[in-house]
Protein backbone atom coordinates (compact mmCIF):
# COMPACT_ATOMS: atom_id res chain seq x y z
CA MET A 1 -0.16 -0.13 -0.42
CA GLU A 2 1.49 3.66 -0.95
CA LEU A 3 1.87 6.14 1.39
CA PRO A 4 -0.12 9.15 0.72
CA ASN A 5 1.40 12.53 -0.34
CA ARG A 6 2.33 14.56 2.99
CA ASN A 7 2.66 17.37 1.04
CA LEU A 8 -1.25 16.53 -1.02
CA LYS A 9 -1.80 16.43 2.78
CA ALA A 10 -0.35 19.61 4.30
CA VAL A 11 -2.67 21.26 1.46
CA THR A 12 -5.73 20.39 2.76
CA VAL A 13 -4.96 21.16 6.05
CA ILE A 14 -3.61 24.15 5.15
CA ILE A 15 -6.55 25.46 2.94
CA ARG A 16 -9.43 23.68 5.52
CA ALA A 17 -7.25 25.60 8.57
CA ALA A 18 -7.62 28.85 6.22
CA ASP A 19 -11.65 28.21 5.68
CA ALA A 20 -12.13 27.99 9.08
CA VAL A 21 -10.16 30.90 10.93
CA ARG A 22 -11.67 32.97 7.47
CA GLU A 23 -15.08 31.72 8.76
CA VAL A 24 -14.37 32.92 12.27
CA ILE A 25 -13.28 36.43 11.45
CA LYS A 26 -16.59 36.66 9.06
CA SER A 27 -18.78 35.98 12.20
CA ASP A 28 -17.06 38.12 14.32
CA ALA A 29 -16.79 40.82 11.93
CA ALA A 30 -20.82 39.88 10.95
CA SER A 31 -21.53 40.14 14.64
CA ASN A 32 -20.61 44.99 14.19
CA GLY A 33 -22.47 44.96 11.74
CA LEU A 34 -19.16 44.67 9.06
CA ASN A 35 -18.38 42.20 7.07
CA PRO A 36 -13.94 41.33 6.63
CA THR A 37 -12.96 43.39 3.76
CA GLU A 38 -14.72 46.42 6.19
CA PHE A 39 -12.99 44.93 9.16
CA SER A 40 -9.77 44.74 7.92
CA VAL A 41 -9.62 48.38 6.81
CA LEU A 42 -11.00 50.00 9.90
CA GLU A 43 -8.03 47.52 11.94
CA LEU A 44 -4.98 48.62 9.75
CA LEU A 45 -6.68 52.35 10.13
CA TYR A 46 -6.70 51.86 13.89
CA HIS A 47 -3.54 50.81 14.50
CA GLN A 48 -1.45 53.06 11.98
CA GLY A 49 -3.00 55.52 11.70
CA ARG A 50 -4.09 57.70 8.03
CA GLN A 51 -3.33 56.18 4.92
CA PRO A 52 -3.06 56.48 1.41
CA ILE A 53 -6.22 54.66 -0.12
CA GLN A 54 -4.25 53.62 -2.97
CA SER A 55 -2.31 51.53 -0.65
CA ILE A 56 -4.71 50.18 1.15
CA GLY A 57 -5.33 47.25 -0.79
CA LYS A 58 -1.82 45.62 -0.55
CA LYS A 59 -1.70 46.09 3.41
CA VAL A 60 -5.64 44.19 3.78
CA LEU A 61 -4.75 42.25 0.70
CA ILE A 62 -8.12 43.68 -1.24
CA ALA A 63 -8.41 44.06 -5.09
CA SER A 64 -7.32 47.94 -5.21
CA SER A 65 -10.51 48.01 -8.07
CA SER A 66 -12.40 47.11 -4.58
CA ILE A 67 -10.65 49.65 -2.50
CA THR A 68 -13.15 52.51 -3.23
CA TYR A 69 -15.82 50.71 -3.11
CA VAL A 70 -15.03 50.07 0.87
CA VAL A 71 -13.88 53.24 1.68
CA ASP A 72 -17.79 54.51 0.42
CA LYS A 73 -19.21 52.27 2.63
CA LEU A 74 -17.11 52.76 5.48
CA GLU A 75 -17.60 56.39 4.85
CA ALA A 76 -21.53 56.32 4.36
CA LYS A 77 -21.35 54.34 8.17
CA ASN A 78 -19.29 57.43 9.20
CA PHE A 79 -16.84 55.13 10.85
CA VAL A 80 -13.69 56.51 8.18
CA ARG A 81 -13.72 60.12 6.16
CA ARG A 82 -11.35 61.15 3.30
CA SER A 83 -8.55 63.95 3.32
CA GLU A 84 -6.64 64.98 0.27
CA CYS A 85 -2.51 65.16 0.45
CA ALA A 86 -1.55 69.01 0.83
CA GLU A 87 1.93 68.36 -1.27
CA ASP A 88 -0.07 65.88 -3.77
CA ARG A 89 -3.12 66.43 -5.13
CA ARG A 90 -3.42 62.68 -6.61
CA VAL A 91 -3.59 60.83 -2.56
CA THR A 92 -6.01 60.75 -0.36
CA TYR A 93 -6.01 59.64 2.53
CA ALA A 94 -8.64 57.61 4.68
CA GLU A 95 -8.72 57.78 8.29
CA LEU A 96 -10.82 56.75 11.67
CA THR A 97 -13.71 59.10 12.77
CA GLU A 98 -13.83 59.65 16.32
CA GLU A 99 -17.27 57.31 15.63
CA GLY A 100 -15.00 55.02 13.84
CA LYS A 101 -12.28 54.71 16.81
CA GLY A 102 -14.96 54.90 19.17
CA LEU A 103 -16.09 51.60 17.29
CA MET A 104 -12.80 49.56 16.88
CA ASP A 105 -11.88 50.51 20.62
CA ARG A 106 -15.32 48.93 21.99
CA ILE A 107 -14.62 46.00 19.46
CA TRP A 108 -10.99 45.09 19.20
CA PRO A 109 -10.37 44.15 22.60
CA GLU A 110 -12.90 40.87 21.62
CA HIS A 111 -11.47 39.94 18.36
CA GLU A 112 -8.26 40.36 19.75
CA ASN A 113 -9.63 37.79 22.74
CA LYS A 114 -10.80 34.82 19.84
CA ILE A 115 -8.16 35.45 17.91
CA ASN A 116 -6.36 33.99 20.64
CA GLU A 117 -8.27 31.20 21.08
CA LEU A 118 -7.68 30.29 18.07
CA PHE A 119 -4.25 29.50 18.98
CA ALA A 120 -4.63 28.25 22.39
CA GLY A 121 -3.73 24.75 21.38
CA LEU A 122 -0.52 26.15 20.32
CA THR A 123 2.51 26.81 22.27
CA VAL A 124 4.44 30.56 21.85
CA GLU A 125 6.94 28.27 19.43
CA GLU A 126 4.64 26.43 18.50
CA THR A 127 2.81 29.02 16.71
CA GLU A 128 6.42 31.11 15.84
CA ALA A 129 6.97 27.49 13.72
CA MET A 130 4.05 27.57 11.79
CA ILE A 131 4.70 31.32 11.38
CA SER A 132 8.25 30.40 9.28
CA ASP A 133 7.61 26.80 7.78
CA LEU A 134 4.06 28.75 6.45
CA LYS A 135 6.02 31.83 5.40
CA LYS A 136 8.68 29.42 3.90
CA VAL A 137 5.61 27.73 1.40
CA GLY A 138 4.34 31.30 0.78
CA TYR A 139 7.49 32.06 -0.51
CA GLN A 140 7.82 29.05 -2.31
CA ALA A 141 4.52 29.79 -3.99
CA LEU A 142 5.75 32.54 -5.77
CA LYS A 143 8.32 31.04 -7.91
CA ILE A 144 6.58 28.41 -8.91
């Protein structure tokens, strides 16, 4: 009997784990009236402050064509505002409003706890090893 290809099993495990994590994030965002994309933009602005709209997509893994739509939705909810760059008129920034900051102040600790629960079965060393190993796989995938 031939043993199964461990690499194929690893791909299946990675995809299933990523799907399960994505569901936790999706559910958590939805419980706060947001979709995962909106939540990721708010999280970026919450932790890194004002950002050029053009660079948000790369930082939160959203297609650049979707950023304007997401920022429009967050602006309509009064969580984000746009501001022009004084030095370069081609650049527009997105930043949290007071209401957006208040929302994130309220929901971020609970979200962080949920993420911590996902990794509760791993030691710090195991988590660090997983990060390192998955980065290696990701970098190798970029070469193919």
